[in-house]
């Protein structure tokens, strides 16, 4: 799982959806807009959790 920041004017274009639980929210960005997302990243991308198959 990663955490990162994006420019507000970019993020405001997309809906925020609650997923999995009350505290988990995601921006829903279409796959075709990922290059725009990448261009609007601010700062570092942090790995906050890793999942390993059993």
N, C-alpha and C. Protein backbone atom coordinates (compact mmCIF):
# COMPACT_ATOMS: atom_id res chain seq x y z
N UNK A 1 0.85 -1.14 0.00
CA UNK A 1 0.00 0.00 0.00
C UNK A 1 0.91 1.22 0.00
N UNK A 2 0.53 2.21 -0.76
CA UNK A 2 1.35 3.41 -0.85
C UNK A 2 0.55 4.64 -0.42
N UNK A 3 1.30 5.69 -0.08
CA UNK A 3 0.69 6.98 0.25
C UNK A 3 1.46 8.02 -0.54
N UNK A 4 0.72 8.95 -1.14
CA UNK A 4 1.36 10.03 -1.90
C UNK A 4 0.40 11.20 -1.98
N UNK A 5 0.92 12.34 -2.35
CA UNK A 5 0.13 13.56 -2.48
C UNK A 5 0.07 13.95 -3.95
N UNK A 6 -1.06 14.54 -4.33
CA UNK A 6 -1.23 15.08 -5.68
C UNK A 6 -1.73 16.52 -5.56
N UNK A 7 -1.53 17.28 -6.59
CA UNK A 7 -2.00 18.66 -6.60
C UNK A 7 -3.53 18.70 -6.45
N UNK A 8 -4.00 19.59 -5.60
CA UNK A 8 -5.43 19.68 -5.32
C UNK A 8 -6.25 19.95 -6.59
N UNK A 9 -5.80 20.84 -7.46
CA UNK A 9 -6.58 21.13 -8.66
C UNK A 9 -6.74 19.90 -9.54
N UNK A 10 -5.78 19.00 -9.52
CA UNK A 10 -5.92 17.74 -10.25
C UNK A 10 -6.88 16.81 -9.52
N UNK A 11 -6.68 16.62 -8.23
CA UNK A 11 -7.50 15.69 -7.45
C UNK A 11 -8.97 16.09 -7.45
N UNK A 12 -9.26 17.36 -7.48
CA UNK A 12 -10.65 17.83 -7.44
C UNK A 12 -11.46 17.42 -8.66
N UNK A 13 -10.82 16.96 -9.71
CA UNK A 13 -11.52 16.51 -10.92
C UNK A 13 -12.18 15.14 -10.77
N UNK A 14 -11.78 14.39 -9.73
CA UNK A 14 -12.18 12.99 -9.61
C UNK A 14 -12.98 12.75 -8.32
N UNK A 15 -13.90 11.78 -8.37
CA UNK A 15 -14.68 11.48 -7.17
C UNK A 15 -13.85 10.71 -6.15
N UNK A 16 -14.14 10.97 -4.87
CA UNK A 16 -13.55 10.21 -3.77
C UNK A 16 -14.58 9.15 -3.39
N UNK A 17 -14.15 7.91 -3.29
CA UNK A 17 -15.04 6.81 -2.94
C UNK A 17 -14.56 6.16 -1.65
N UNK A 18 -15.51 5.79 -0.82
CA UNK A 18 -15.22 5.03 0.39
C UNK A 18 -15.15 3.57 0.01
N UNK A 19 -14.06 2.89 0.39
CA UNK A 19 -13.87 1.49 0.03
C UNK A 19 -13.39 0.70 1.25
N UNK A 20 -13.86 -0.50 1.38
CA UNK A 20 -13.35 -1.39 2.42
C UNK A 20 -13.78 -1.07 3.84
N UNK A 21 -13.80 0.16 4.23
CA UNK A 21 -14.16 0.57 5.57
C UNK A 21 -14.36 2.06 5.63
N UNK A 22 -14.87 2.54 6.75
CA UNK A 22 -15.19 3.97 6.87
C UNK A 22 -13.98 4.87 6.73
N UNK A 23 -12.81 4.39 7.10
CA UNK A 23 -11.62 5.24 7.07
C UNK A 23 -10.83 5.14 5.78
N UNK A 24 -11.23 4.26 4.88
CA UNK A 24 -10.47 4.05 3.65
C UNK A 24 -11.18 4.77 2.51
N UNK A 25 -10.50 5.78 1.98
CA UNK A 25 -11.06 6.54 0.86
C UNK A 25 -10.04 6.57 -0.28
N UNK A 26 -10.53 6.54 -1.49
CA UNK A 26 -9.67 6.54 -2.67
C UNK A 26 -10.19 7.52 -3.70
N UNK A 27 -9.27 8.12 -4.43
CA UNK A 27 -9.66 8.85 -5.64
C UNK A 27 -9.88 7.83 -6.74
N UNK A 28 -10.95 7.95 -7.45
CA UNK A 28 -11.20 7.04 -8.57
C UNK A 28 -10.76 7.73 -9.85
N UNK A 29 -9.58 7.32 -10.32
CA UNK A 29 -8.98 7.92 -11.50
C UNK A 29 -8.95 6.87 -12.60
N UNK A 30 -9.55 7.16 -13.76
CA UNK A 30 -9.54 6.19 -14.86
C UNK A 30 -8.11 5.83 -15.28
N UNK A 31 -7.93 4.60 -15.69
CA UNK A 31 -6.59 4.11 -16.08
C UNK A 31 -5.97 5.00 -17.15
N UNK A 32 -6.77 5.52 -18.05
CA UNK A 32 -6.24 6.38 -19.11
C UNK A 32 -5.67 7.69 -18.60
N UNK A 33 -6.03 8.08 -17.36
CA UNK A 33 -5.53 9.33 -16.79
C UNK A 33 -4.32 9.13 -15.89
N UNK A 34 -3.80 7.90 -15.79
CA UNK A 34 -2.64 7.65 -14.92
C UNK A 34 -1.43 8.51 -15.32
N UNK A 35 -1.15 8.73 -16.60
CA UNK A 35 -0.03 9.63 -16.93
C UNK A 35 -0.24 11.05 -16.36
N UNK A 36 -1.49 11.52 -16.34
CA UNK A 36 -1.77 12.83 -15.74
C UNK A 36 -1.57 12.79 -14.23
N UNK A 37 -1.99 11.68 -13.61
CA UNK A 37 -1.76 11.51 -12.18
C UNK A 37 -0.26 11.59 -11.89
N UNK A 38 0.53 10.85 -12.62
CA UNK A 38 1.98 10.85 -12.42
C UNK A 38 2.57 12.25 -12.55
N UNK A 39 2.06 13.02 -13.50
CA UNK A 39 2.57 14.37 -13.72
C UNK A 39 2.17 15.32 -12.60
N UNK A 40 1.18 14.94 -11.80
CA UNK A 40 0.68 15.81 -10.74
C UNK A 40 1.05 15.35 -9.33
N UNK A 41 1.94 14.37 -9.22
CA UNK A 41 2.41 13.93 -7.92
C UNK A 41 3.25 15.03 -7.27
N UNK A 42 3.14 15.14 -5.95
CA UNK A 42 3.90 16.12 -5.19
C UNK A 42 4.66 15.38 -4.10
N UNK A 43 5.95 15.54 -4.05
CA UNK A 43 6.74 14.91 -2.99
C UNK A 43 7.02 13.44 -3.25
N UNK A 44 7.23 12.71 -2.16
CA UNK A 44 7.65 11.31 -2.22
C UNK A 44 6.46 10.36 -2.22
N UNK A 45 6.68 9.18 -2.78
CA UNK A 45 5.73 8.08 -2.67
C UNK A 45 6.24 7.18 -1.55
N UNK A 46 5.41 6.94 -0.54
CA UNK A 46 5.81 6.14 0.61
C UNK A 46 5.12 4.78 0.59
N UNK A 47 5.86 3.73 0.85
CA UNK A 47 5.28 2.41 1.06
C UNK A 47 4.88 2.35 2.52
N UNK A 48 3.57 2.17 2.79
CA UNK A 48 3.09 2.17 4.18
C UNK A 48 2.71 0.78 4.66
N UNK A 49 2.57 -0.18 3.75
CA UNK A 49 2.25 -1.55 4.15
C UNK A 49 2.54 -2.47 2.98
N UNK A 50 3.00 -3.67 3.30
CA UNK A 50 3.26 -4.69 2.28
C UNK A 50 2.42 -5.92 2.57
N UNK A 51 1.93 -6.56 1.54
CA UNK A 51 1.17 -7.78 1.68
C UNK A 51 1.99 -8.92 1.05
N UNK A 52 2.09 -10.00 1.77
CA UNK A 52 2.83 -11.15 1.27
C UNK A 52 1.90 -12.36 1.25
N UNK A 53 1.82 -13.05 0.10
CA UNK A 53 0.97 -14.24 0.03
C UNK A 53 1.45 -15.32 1.00
N UNK A 54 0.50 -16.06 1.51
CA UNK A 54 0.84 -17.12 2.47
C UNK A 54 1.49 -18.30 1.78
